[in-house]
Every structure is written in structure tokens, then in C-alpha cells.
Amino acid sequence: MTYSTQDLIRILDQELKAAWRGDRLLLSSEDRVGVPIVSMALDLEQAGKVFACKDFTQQIHKYQLEQGVSGIIWRELIVGEHHLRLPEIHQQLIAIESDKIILQNAKAEVLQFWWQITSGLKFWELKNHETYPLTIDKIHLAAQLAEWAEIDIGRDEVYLALCWGNPKECHYRWAHPDSGCDRIIAAASEPKQLNIF
């Protein structure tokens, strides 16, 4: 029997909780740190918990790849009369090859939802923690170049990420230019919340 995505999420949750309770310890923490002076400064029991969690998570990722278990979860977004069932990679899992195809296939629907719920709003691009006004034409161009789209909704703002590359790395600056996201904010006035994705 192959474990499902939901099984892996449940197993990971149980194991991570067990590790933080102290039920799972890595006894070789000092060796893992590798620098004796740093080992002396760390709480090795806490470090052992971190290493135990990391090791278990890596085993789950290996299992996903070997068994072809998706890292996709589905999130429901409802704004007024508009509804979207959005695929996204679970934060503790990895994307397998077929997951990227699912994200790519959802792009048109995500963009359609974005345009429906942002009608009448102003747009900004977020780069290096700074916002810049953005035209609709530039959004359309960025959307054409993106492999998939992600969306999130704040209290007064709607966030769109137009992504490419590796779904697990696209939100990190170090992954650029191989992976990345153009981040767009829609709001009635100047955007206030910049902690997106």
C-alpha cells in the first residue's frame, strides 16, 4: 500500500510533534554540527530535535519521489460570488514532476479568478520589499511568461505570484533566475501588507 498525500501530511505532523516533545532525538547532534565551538554554544538537545525532524522530512521526500506521491493540496477560495479550487504544494512536502503540471494546468483558472476579484483595484509590483505601480499590460506580459500562478487574499489586498522553475524554490531569492515569482499586489489604495507568499 502506498501512502497518500494526506497520509504523509498526518505522519509528518505526528513525527514532528513527537520530536518537539522529545520522543525523537538524534544522539549525534554534536557530530552533525561539526564545529566544536559552535556545538558548545548550542543546546544540543534542541539541535537533536531539529536534526531528527530534518532527517524524517528528508525520508518522506525520498518516499514521495520513489512512490510518486504528490505534494499538492487543494485550497478553496471564495470571494463574493467567485470561487476557486487552488492547487498548492504543502509546506512540508516536495513537488514531484506531475505536480508542476497540475500547477501549470490551473494557471488560466487562477488568473481568471484574479481578474474577477480585482476589478476596479490598483496594481503594484513587489520587488526587494518595495512596491512600484504596475499597468495591466505589464501584468498580462508577466502572466504569459509565468509557468503557473499562485494567489492569496489579505484583509484589504489580493496577492498574485507569477512563478517559474522549481515550485519549492520559487519563493527564495537565492533560486533566481532559475526559479522565481513576480509578486503583484491589488488594492484600492497603497498596499500595506508586504508579507506575501
Protein backbone atom coordinates (compact mmCIF):
# COMPACT_ATOMS: atom_id res chain seq x y z
CA MET A 1 0.00 0.00 0.00
CA THR A 2 1.32 3.42 -0.96
CA TYR A 3 0.67 6.26 1.45
CA SER A 4 -1.39 9.16 0.09
CA THR A 5 -0.53 12.85 0.30
CA GLN A 6 -2.89 13.20 3.27
CA ASP A 7 -1.29 10.16 4.96
CA LEU A 8 2.16 11.73 4.60
CA ILE A 9 0.93 15.06 6.00
CA ARG A 10 -0.57 13.27 9.00
CA ILE A 11 2.57 11.15 9.55
CA LEU A 12 4.81 14.22 9.29
CA ASP A 13 2.64 16.12 11.75
CA GLN A 14 2.74 13.25 14.26
CA GLU A 15 6.51 12.79 13.92
CA LEU A 16 7.29 16.50 14.18
CA LYS A 17 5.16 16.78 17.33
CA ALA A 18 6.90 13.72 18.78
CA ALA A 19 10.31 15.24 18.02
CA TRP A 20 9.44 18.51 19.75
CA ARG A 21 8.09 16.64 22.78
CA GLY A 22 11.47 14.94 22.99
CA ASP A 23 10.23 11.50 21.94
CA ARG A 24 12.56 11.57 18.91
CA LEU A 25 16.16 12.59 19.45
CA LEU A 26 19.23 12.43 17.32
CA LEU A 27 22.07 11.43 19.61
CA SER A 28 24.81 12.50 17.23
CA SER A 29 23.90 16.22 17.28
CA GLU A 30 27.40 17.31 18.19
CA ASP A 31 28.83 15.42 15.20
CA ARG A 32 26.17 16.91 12.91
CA VAL A 33 27.04 20.47 13.91
CA GLY A 34 30.63 19.70 13.00
CA VAL A 35 32.29 22.67 14.71
CA PRO A 36 33.16 22.04 18.38
CA ILE A 37 32.99 25.69 19.42
CA VAL A 38 29.53 26.03 17.84
CA SER A 39 28.44 22.78 19.49
CA MET A 40 29.36 24.25 22.87
CA ALA A 41 27.17 27.31 22.22
CA LEU A 42 24.11 25.34 21.13
CA ASP A 43 21.56 23.47 23.17
CA LEU A 44 22.38 20.07 21.66
CA GLU A 45 19.12 18.55 22.85
CA GLN A 46 17.18 21.15 20.85
CA ALA A 47 19.57 20.74 17.92
CA GLY A 48 18.94 16.98 18.08
CA LYS A 49 15.21 17.64 17.72
CA VAL A 50 15.83 19.83 14.68
CA PHE A 51 18.10 17.23 13.07
CA ALA A 52 15.58 14.45 13.82
CA CYS A 53 12.81 16.48 12.14
CA LYS A 54 15.01 17.27 9.16
CA ASP A 55 16.06 13.63 8.73
CA PHE A 56 12.47 12.39 8.92
CA THR A 57 11.27 15.04 6.46
CA GLN A 58 14.01 14.03 4.01
CA GLN A 59 12.86 10.40 4.29
CA ILE A 60 9.31 11.50 3.46
CA HIS A 61 10.57 13.46 0.43
CA LYS A 62 12.53 10.42 -0.76
CA TYR A 63 9.38 8.29 -0.34
CA GLN A 64 7.39 10.83 -2.37
CA LEU A 65 9.85 10.62 -5.25
CA GLU A 66 10.15 6.82 -5.15
CA GLN A 67 6.39 6.21 -4.92
CA GLY A 68 5.20 9.18 -6.98
CA VAL A 69 3.17 10.69 -4.13
CA SER A 70 2.00 14.21 -4.89
CA GLY A 71 2.83 17.17 -2.67
CA ILE A 72 -0.29 19.01 -3.88
CA ILE A 73 -3.06 20.06 -1.52
CA TRP A 74 -6.20 21.89 -2.60
CA ARG A 75 -7.39 25.14 -1.05
CA GLU A 76 -10.81 26.69 -1.55
CA LEU A 77 -11.04 30.45 -2.09
CA ILE A 78 -14.38 32.23 -2.10
CA VAL A 79 -14.69 35.97 -2.68
CA GLY A 80 -18.28 37.11 -3.05
CA GLU A 81 -19.78 35.03 -5.84
CA HIS A 82 -16.38 33.93 -7.16
CA HIS A 83 -14.96 30.53 -6.23
CA LEU A 84 -11.58 28.91 -6.90
CA ARG A 85 -10.19 25.49 -6.01
CA LEU A 86 -6.47 26.22 -5.91
CA PRO A 87 -3.65 23.63 -6.06
CA GLU A 88 -0.57 24.38 -3.98
CA ILE A 89 2.43 22.46 -2.65
CA HIS A 90 2.12 21.56 1.04
CA GLN A 91 4.77 23.38 3.05
CA GLN A 92 6.31 20.14 4.40
CA LEU A 93 6.23 18.17 1.14
CA ILE A 94 8.01 18.49 -2.19
CA ALA A 95 6.61 18.80 -5.68
CA ILE A 96 7.02 15.73 -7.84
CA GLU A 97 7.18 16.13 -11.62
CA SER A 98 3.43 15.69 -12.16
CA ASP A 99 2.68 18.36 -9.53
CA LYS A 100 4.19 21.09 -11.66
CA ILE A 101 1.88 20.05 -14.50
CA ILE A 102 -1.11 20.40 -12.14
CA LEU A 103 0.06 23.91 -11.17
CA GLN A 104 0.55 24.82 -14.84
CA ASN A 105 -2.89 23.48 -15.81
CA ALA A 106 -4.52 25.63 -13.10
CA LYS A 107 -2.84 28.86 -14.27
CA ALA A 108 -5.65 30.08 -16.55
CA GLU A 109 -8.30 29.49 -13.89
CA VAL A 110 -6.21 31.24 -11.21
CA LEU A 111 -5.69 34.24 -13.48
CA GLN A 112 -9.37 34.38 -14.38
CA PHE A 113 -10.25 34.39 -10.65
CA TRP A 114 -7.63 37.12 -10.03
CA TRP A 115 -9.09 39.41 -12.70
CA GLN A 116 -12.65 38.82 -11.45
CA ILE A 117 -11.90 39.73 -7.83
CA THR A 118 -9.51 42.64 -8.57
CA SER A 119 -11.77 44.56 -10.93
CA GLY A 120 -11.51 48.26 -10.09
CA LEU A 121 -8.39 47.89 -7.93
CA LYS A 122 -4.91 49.36 -8.47
CA PHE A 123 -1.86 47.18 -9.02
CA TRP A 124 1.69 47.18 -7.66
CA GLU A 125 4.72 45.01 -8.20
CA LEU A 126 6.68 43.99 -5.11
CA LYS A 127 10.46 43.88 -5.62
CA ASN A 128 13.03 43.85 -2.83
CA HIS A 129 10.41 44.90 -0.25
CA GLU A 130 9.50 47.98 -2.33
CA THR A 131 6.29 48.50 -4.29
CA TYR A 132 6.03 50.02 -7.75
CA PRO A 133 2.83 50.91 -9.65
CA LEU A 134 2.04 48.37 -12.35
CA THR A 135 -0.04 48.56 -15.51
CA ILE A 136 -2.48 45.90 -16.63
CA ASP A 137 -0.39 45.36 -19.79
CA LYS A 138 2.67 44.52 -17.69
CA ILE A 139 0.64 42.07 -15.63
CA HIS A 140 -0.56 40.34 -18.80
CA LEU A 141 3.02 40.11 -20.09
CA ALA A 142 4.30 38.67 -16.78
CA ALA A 143 1.39 36.20 -16.78
CA GLN A 144 2.31 34.98 -20.28
CA LEU A 145 5.91 34.36 -19.18
CA ALA A 146 4.98 32.58 -15.93
CA GLU A 147 4.64 28.80 -15.76
CA TRP A 148 1.97 28.89 -13.05
CA ALA A 149 0.15 31.36 -10.80
CA GLU A 150 -0.49 31.43 -7.07
CA ILE A 151 -2.98 33.66 -5.29
CA ASP A 152 -3.60 34.71 -1.71
CA ILE A 153 -6.07 37.07 -0.14
CA GLY A 154 -5.39 39.51 2.67
CA ARG A 155 -7.77 41.76 4.55
CA ASP A 156 -7.62 44.66 2.09
CA GLU A 157 -5.36 43.27 -0.62
CA VAL A 158 -5.13 40.42 -3.11
CA TYR A 159 -1.73 38.90 -3.91
CA LEU A 160 -0.70 37.19 -7.13
CA ALA A 161 2.57 35.34 -7.68
CA LEU A 162 3.50 34.56 -11.28
CA CYS A 163 6.05 31.78 -10.92
CA TRP A 164 8.56 29.68 -12.85
CA GLY A 165 11.15 26.99 -12.16
CA ASN A 166 11.03 24.74 -9.09
CA PRO A 167 7.77 25.09 -7.11
CA LYS A 168 9.59 24.50 -3.79
CA GLU A 169 12.29 27.09 -4.52
CA CYS A 170 10.48 29.81 -6.44
CA HIS A 171 9.82 31.97 -3.36
CA TYR A 172 13.50 32.22 -2.40
CA ARG A 173 15.79 34.92 -3.78
CA TRP A 174 18.76 32.53 -3.93
CA ALA A 175 16.90 30.43 -6.52
CA HIS A 176 16.72 33.31 -9.03
CA PRO A 177 16.97 33.26 -12.05
CA ASP A 178 16.29 29.51 -12.40
CA SER A 179 13.20 29.76 -10.18
CA GLY A 180 11.23 32.76 -9.03
CA CYS A 181 7.98 34.67 -8.81
CA ASP A 182 6.84 38.08 -9.92
CA ARG A 183 4.77 39.32 -6.98
CA ILE A 184 1.79 41.55 -7.65
CA ILE A 185 -0.50 43.29 -5.17
CA ALA A 186 -4.01 44.54 -5.92
CA ALA A 187 -5.53 47.07 -3.52
CA ALA A 188 -7.92 50.02 -3.51
CA SER A 189 -5.09 52.32 -2.38
CA GLU A 190 -1.39 51.93 -1.46
CA PRO A 191 -0.58 48.37 -0.35
CA LYS A 192 0.14 47.95 3.36
CA GLN A 193 0.85 44.25 3.91
CA LEU A 194 4.04 43.20 2.18
CA ASN A 195 4.49 39.77 3.80
CA ILE A 196 3.12 37.72 0.93
CA PHE A 197 3.85 34.14 -0.04
